Amino acid sequence: MPPRAPNLRLLVWDLSTSPDVDIAGARLLGETQRALAVQGVTMRIVEARAQARDLIRKEVGMSVGEVSRRISIDDAIAGAAGSVDRSSIGPDSVTHHRGPEP
């Protein structure tokens, strides 16, 4: 895991373009979440489709929050912003990662 920006608090992983996730991918998400948690960074998975959701829930559980097709990037950011002082959220505080294109 590369060094993080000192103000990074949230990583949003967008799976809207990933119709499925294999077991290795789900485990990678879990490993990434655990590595980020040690650094004080919350990871949220958004817009996951049915097959991906089911496997992620089984492998990762609730450590990445609710995994739902209905949770958007904006929802994840708003949820994180609600738990911290909004004035502390700047461009280095939120990272968005879109899954691979199909």
N, C-alpha and C. Protein backbone atom coordinates (compact mmCIF):
# COMPACT_ATOMS: atom_id res chain seq x y z
N MET A 1 0.86 -1.16 0.00
CA MET A 1 0.00 0.00 0.00
C MET A 1 0.90 1.23 0.00
N PRO A 2 0.71 2.14 -0.97
CA PRO A 2 1.54 3.35 -1.02
C PRO A 2 1.23 4.28 0.14
N PRO A 3 2.19 5.17 0.46
CA PRO A 3 1.90 6.14 1.53
C PRO A 3 0.68 6.96 1.15
N ARG A 4 -0.09 7.33 2.13
CA ARG A 4 -1.30 8.08 1.85
C ARG A 4 -1.11 9.56 2.11
N ALA A 5 -1.99 10.35 1.54
CA ALA A 5 -2.01 11.78 1.84
C ALA A 5 -2.44 11.93 3.29
N PRO A 6 -1.82 12.83 4.04
CA PRO A 6 -2.11 12.92 5.47
C PRO A 6 -3.56 13.23 5.80
N ASN A 7 -4.30 13.83 4.88
CA ASN A 7 -5.70 14.18 5.15
C ASN A 7 -6.70 13.19 4.59
N LEU A 8 -6.23 12.12 3.96
CA LEU A 8 -7.13 11.14 3.35
C LEU A 8 -7.93 10.43 4.43
N ARG A 9 -9.25 10.46 4.30
CA ARG A 9 -10.13 9.82 5.28
C ARG A 9 -11.08 8.80 4.64
N LEU A 10 -11.28 8.90 3.34
CA LEU A 10 -12.25 8.06 2.67
C LEU A 10 -11.75 7.64 1.30
N LEU A 11 -11.88 6.34 1.00
CA LEU A 11 -11.64 5.84 -0.35
C LEU A 11 -12.96 5.23 -0.82
N VAL A 12 -13.47 5.71 -1.94
CA VAL A 12 -14.72 5.20 -2.50
C VAL A 12 -14.36 4.36 -3.72
N TRP A 13 -14.75 3.08 -3.69
CA TRP A 13 -14.46 2.16 -4.79
C TRP A 13 -15.76 1.93 -5.55
N ASP A 14 -15.82 2.47 -6.77
CA ASP A 14 -17.02 2.42 -7.61
C ASP A 14 -17.00 1.15 -8.46
N LEU A 15 -17.97 0.27 -8.23
CA LEU A 15 -18.05 -0.98 -9.00
C LEU A 15 -19.15 -0.95 -10.05
N SER A 16 -19.60 0.24 -10.42
CA SER A 16 -20.71 0.33 -11.38
C SER A 16 -20.36 -0.27 -12.74
N THR A 17 -19.10 -0.31 -13.10
CA THR A 17 -18.70 -0.88 -14.39
C THR A 17 -18.18 -2.30 -14.27
N SER A 18 -18.30 -2.88 -13.07
CA SER A 18 -17.83 -4.25 -12.85
C SER A 18 -19.02 -5.16 -12.56
N PRO A 19 -19.53 -5.87 -13.56
CA PRO A 19 -20.73 -6.68 -13.36
C PRO A 19 -20.53 -7.83 -12.39
N ASP A 20 -19.29 -8.31 -12.25
CA ASP A 20 -19.05 -9.36 -11.27
C ASP A 20 -17.65 -9.20 -10.70
N VAL A 21 -17.43 -9.86 -9.59
CA VAL A 21 -16.15 -9.86 -8.90
C VAL A 21 -15.85 -11.31 -8.55
N ASP A 22 -14.63 -11.77 -8.84
CA ASP A 22 -14.29 -13.15 -8.47
C ASP A 22 -13.78 -13.18 -7.03
N ILE A 23 -13.50 -14.37 -6.53
CA ILE A 23 -13.09 -14.53 -5.14
C ILE A 23 -11.80 -13.77 -4.86
N ALA A 24 -10.87 -13.79 -5.81
CA ALA A 24 -9.60 -13.06 -5.62
C ALA A 24 -9.85 -11.56 -5.52
N GLY A 25 -10.76 -11.05 -6.33
CA GLY A 25 -11.10 -9.63 -6.29
C GLY A 25 -11.75 -9.24 -4.97
N ALA A 26 -12.64 -10.09 -4.48
CA ALA A 26 -13.31 -9.82 -3.21
C ALA A 26 -12.30 -9.84 -2.07
N ARG A 27 -11.38 -10.77 -2.12
CA ARG A 27 -10.35 -10.83 -1.08
C ARG A 27 -9.42 -9.61 -1.15
N LEU A 28 -9.11 -9.17 -2.37
CA LEU A 28 -8.30 -7.96 -2.53
C LEU A 28 -9.00 -6.76 -1.90
N LEU A 29 -10.31 -6.65 -2.11
CA LEU A 29 -11.07 -5.55 -1.50
C LEU A 29 -10.96 -5.62 0.03
N GLY A 30 -11.06 -6.83 0.58
CA GLY A 30 -10.94 -7.00 2.02
C GLY A 30 -9.55 -6.63 2.53
N GLU A 31 -8.51 -7.06 1.82
CA GLU A 31 -7.14 -6.74 2.21
C GLU A 31 -6.91 -5.23 2.14
N THR A 32 -7.42 -4.62 1.09
CA THR A 32 -7.27 -3.17 0.93
C THR A 32 -7.98 -2.44 2.06
N GLN A 33 -9.18 -2.89 2.39
CA GLN A 33 -9.93 -2.25 3.48
C GLN A 33 -9.17 -2.34 4.79
N ARG A 34 -8.62 -3.51 5.09
CA ARG A 34 -7.89 -3.68 6.35
C ARG A 34 -6.63 -2.81 6.39
N ALA A 35 -5.91 -2.74 5.27
CA ALA A 35 -4.71 -1.90 5.21
C ALA A 35 -5.06 -0.42 5.39
N LEU A 36 -6.15 0.01 4.78
CA LEU A 36 -6.57 1.40 4.92
C LEU A 36 -7.04 1.70 6.34
N ALA A 37 -7.76 0.76 6.94
CA ALA A 37 -8.28 0.96 8.30
C ALA A 37 -7.14 1.21 9.29
N VAL A 38 -6.03 0.50 9.11
CA VAL A 38 -4.87 0.69 9.98
C VAL A 38 -4.36 2.13 9.88
N GLN A 39 -4.52 2.73 8.71
CA GLN A 39 -4.08 4.11 8.48
C GLN A 39 -5.17 5.13 8.82
N GLY A 40 -6.31 4.63 9.32
CA GLY A 40 -7.39 5.55 9.68
C GLY A 40 -8.25 6.00 8.51
N VAL A 41 -8.21 5.24 7.42
CA VAL A 41 -8.98 5.58 6.22
C VAL A 41 -10.16 4.62 6.10
N THR A 42 -11.33 5.17 5.86
CA THR A 42 -12.54 4.38 5.65
C THR A 42 -12.66 4.05 4.17
N MET A 43 -13.01 2.81 3.85
CA MET A 43 -13.26 2.43 2.46
C MET A 43 -14.73 2.10 2.30
N ARG A 44 -15.35 2.62 1.27
CA ARG A 44 -16.74 2.31 0.94
C ARG A 44 -16.80 1.82 -0.49
N ILE A 45 -17.64 0.82 -0.71
CA ILE A 45 -17.87 0.27 -2.04
C ILE A 45 -19.25 0.74 -2.49
N VAL A 46 -19.32 1.30 -3.68
CA VAL A 46 -20.59 1.84 -4.17
C VAL A 46 -20.98 1.23 -5.50
N GLU A 47 -22.28 1.24 -5.75
CA GLU A 47 -22.89 0.82 -7.02
C GLU A 47 -22.46 -0.57 -7.47
N ALA A 48 -22.37 -1.49 -6.50
CA ALA A 48 -22.01 -2.88 -6.81
C ALA A 48 -23.24 -3.62 -7.33
N ARG A 49 -23.06 -4.39 -8.37
CA ARG A 49 -24.15 -5.19 -8.94
C ARG A 49 -24.34 -6.48 -8.15
N ALA A 50 -25.41 -7.19 -8.43
CA ALA A 50 -25.86 -8.32 -7.61
C ALA A 50 -24.79 -9.37 -7.34
N GLN A 51 -24.16 -9.92 -8.38
CA GLN A 51 -23.16 -10.97 -8.17
C GLN A 51 -21.98 -10.45 -7.36
N ALA A 52 -21.54 -9.27 -7.69
CA ALA A 52 -20.41 -8.67 -6.97
C ALA A 52 -20.80 -8.41 -5.52
N ARG A 53 -21.98 -7.87 -5.30
CA ARG A 53 -22.47 -7.56 -3.95
C ARG A 53 -22.48 -8.80 -3.07
N ASP A 54 -23.05 -9.88 -3.59
CA ASP A 54 -23.17 -11.10 -2.81
C ASP A 54 -21.82 -11.63 -2.37
N LEU A 55 -20.86 -11.67 -3.28
CA LEU A 55 -19.54 -12.19 -2.95
C LEU A 55 -18.80 -11.25 -2.00
N ILE A 56 -18.91 -9.95 -2.22
CA ILE A 56 -18.25 -8.99 -1.33
C ILE A 56 -18.82 -9.09 0.07
N ARG A 57 -20.13 -9.18 0.18
CA ARG A 57 -20.75 -9.33 1.50
C ARG A 57 -20.24 -10.58 2.21
N LYS A 58 -20.09 -11.66 1.45
CA LYS A 58 -19.64 -12.93 2.04
C LYS A 58 -18.17 -12.84 2.47
N GLU A 59 -17.32 -12.25 1.64
CA GLU A 59 -15.88 -12.21 1.90
C GLU A 59 -15.45 -11.06 2.81
N VAL A 60 -16.10 -9.91 2.69
CA VAL A 60 -15.66 -8.71 3.39
C VAL A 60 -16.58 -8.34 4.54
N GLY A 61 -17.85 -8.68 4.41
CA GLY A 61 -18.81 -8.34 5.46
C GLY A 61 -19.11 -6.86 5.49
N MET A 62 -19.40 -6.37 6.68
CA MET A 62 -19.81 -4.97 6.83
C MET A 62 -18.63 -4.02 7.06
N SER A 63 -17.41 -4.51 6.94
CA SER A 63 -16.25 -3.66 7.19
C SER A 63 -16.14 -2.52 6.18
N VAL A 64 -16.82 -2.64 5.05
CA VAL A 64 -16.83 -1.56 4.05
C VAL A 64 -18.18 -0.85 4.04
N GLY A 65 -18.96 -1.03 5.09
CA GLY A 65 -20.29 -0.43 5.16
C GLY A 65 -21.27 -1.25 4.34
N GLU A 66 -22.45 -0.71 4.15
CA GLU A 66 -23.46 -1.40 3.36
C GLU A 66 -23.01 -1.45 1.91
N VAL A 67 -23.11 -2.62 1.30
CA VAL A 67 -22.76 -2.78 -0.11
C VAL A 67 -24.08 -2.86 -0.87
N SER A 68 -24.36 -1.85 -1.68
CA SER A 68 -25.64 -1.76 -2.36
C SER A 68 -25.49 -1.10 -3.72
N ARG A 69 -26.31 -1.52 -4.66
CA ARG A 69 -26.34 -0.89 -5.99
C ARG A 69 -26.86 0.54 -5.87
N ARG A 70 -27.63 0.80 -4.83
CA ARG A 70 -28.29 2.11 -4.68
C ARG A 70 -27.42 3.16 -4.01
N ILE A 71 -26.30 2.76 -3.41
CA ILE A 71 -25.43 3.75 -2.76
C ILE A 71 -24.48 4.31 -3.81
N SER A 72 -24.55 5.63 -3.98
CA SER A 72 -23.74 6.30 -5.00
C SER A 72 -22.47 6.88 -4.37
N ILE A 73 -21.62 7.37 -5.22
CA ILE A 73 -20.41 8.05 -4.75
C ILE A 73 -20.79 9.22 -3.85
N ASP A 74 -21.77 10.01 -4.30
CA ASP A 74 -22.22 11.15 -3.50
C ASP A 74 -22.74 10.71 -2.14
N ASP A 75 -23.48 9.60 -2.10
CA ASP A 75 -24.00 9.08 -0.82
C ASP A 75 -22.85 8.72 0.12
N ALA A 76 -21.83 8.05 -0.41
CA ALA A 76 -20.70 7.65 0.42
C ALA A 76 -19.95 8.86 0.96
N ILE A 77 -19.77 9.86 0.12
CA ILE A 77 -19.07 11.08 0.56
C ILE A 77 -19.92 11.82 1.59
N ALA A 78 -21.22 11.92 1.34
CA ALA A 78 -22.10 12.59 2.29
C ALA A 78 -22.12 11.86 3.63
N GLY A 79 -22.11 10.54 3.60
CA GLY A 79 -22.08 9.76 4.83
C GLY A 79 -20.81 10.00 5.61
N ALA A 80 -19.69 10.08 4.90
CA ALA A 80 -18.41 10.34 5.57
C ALA A 80 -18.37 11.77 6.09
N ALA A 81 -18.91 12.69 5.30
CA ALA A 81 -18.90 14.09 5.71
C ALA A 81 -19.76 14.31 6.95
N GLY A 82 -20.81 13.52 7.10
CA GLY A 82 -21.68 13.65 8.26
C GLY A 82 -21.00 13.23 9.55
N SER A 83 -19.92 12.43 9.43
CA SER A 83 -19.25 11.95 10.63
C SER A 83 -17.99 12.75 10.98
N VAL A 84 -17.67 13.75 10.15
CA VAL A 84 -16.51 14.59 10.43
C VAL A 84 -16.88 16.04 10.22
N ASP A 85 -16.02 16.92 10.66
CA ASP A 85 -16.20 18.34 10.44
C ASP A 85 -16.08 18.62 8.94
N ARG A 86 -17.14 19.11 8.30
CA ARG A 86 -17.15 19.33 6.86
C ARG A 86 -16.07 20.29 6.40
N SER A 87 -15.65 21.22 7.25
CA SER A 87 -14.63 22.17 6.84
C SER A 87 -13.28 21.49 6.65
N SER A 88 -13.13 20.26 7.20
CA SER A 88 -11.85 19.56 7.06
C SER A 88 -11.79 18.72 5.79
N ILE A 89 -12.89 18.68 5.03
CA ILE A 89 -12.91 17.87 3.81
C ILE A 89 -12.46 18.73 2.64
N GLY A 90 -11.33 18.36 2.08
CA GLY A 90 -10.78 19.07 0.93
C GLY A 90 -10.45 18.08 -0.16
N PRO A 91 -9.80 18.52 -1.20
CA PRO A 91 -9.50 17.64 -2.33
C PRO A 91 -8.63 16.45 -1.97
N ASP A 92 -7.80 16.56 -0.93
CA ASP A 92 -6.95 15.43 -0.54
C ASP A 92 -7.64 14.49 0.42
N SER A 93 -8.86 14.80 0.82
CA SER A 93 -9.54 14.01 1.84
C SER A 93 -10.35 12.85 1.28
N VAL A 94 -10.67 12.89 0.00
CA VAL A 94 -11.52 11.86 -0.60
C VAL A 94 -10.86 11.37 -1.88
N THR A 95 -10.81 10.05 -2.03
CA THR A 95 -10.26 9.44 -3.23
C THR A 95 -11.35 8.57 -3.84
N HIS A 96 -11.49 8.63 -5.14
CA HIS A 96 -12.48 7.83 -5.85
C HIS A 96 -11.74 6.89 -6.79
N HIS A 97 -12.08 5.61 -6.72
CA HIS A 97 -11.49 4.63 -7.64
C HIS A 97 -12.62 3.93 -8.38
N ARG A 98 -12.60 4.00 -9.68
CA ARG A 98 -13.59 3.29 -10.49
C ARG A 98 -12.99 1.96 -10.88
N GLY A 99 -13.79 0.92 -10.76
CA GLY A 99 -13.35 -0.42 -11.14
C GLY A 99 -12.97 -0.48 -12.61
N PRO A 100 -12.38 -1.59 -13.03
CA PRO A 100 -11.97 -1.71 -14.43
C PRO A 100 -13.15 -1.70 -15.37
N GLU A 101 -12.93 -1.16 -16.54
CA GLU A 101 -13.97 -1.13 -17.57
C GLU A 101 -14.19 -2.57 -18.05
N PRO A 102 -15.45 -2.93 -18.36
CA PRO A 102 -15.73 -4.31 -18.82
C PRO A 102 -15.13 -4.59 -20.18
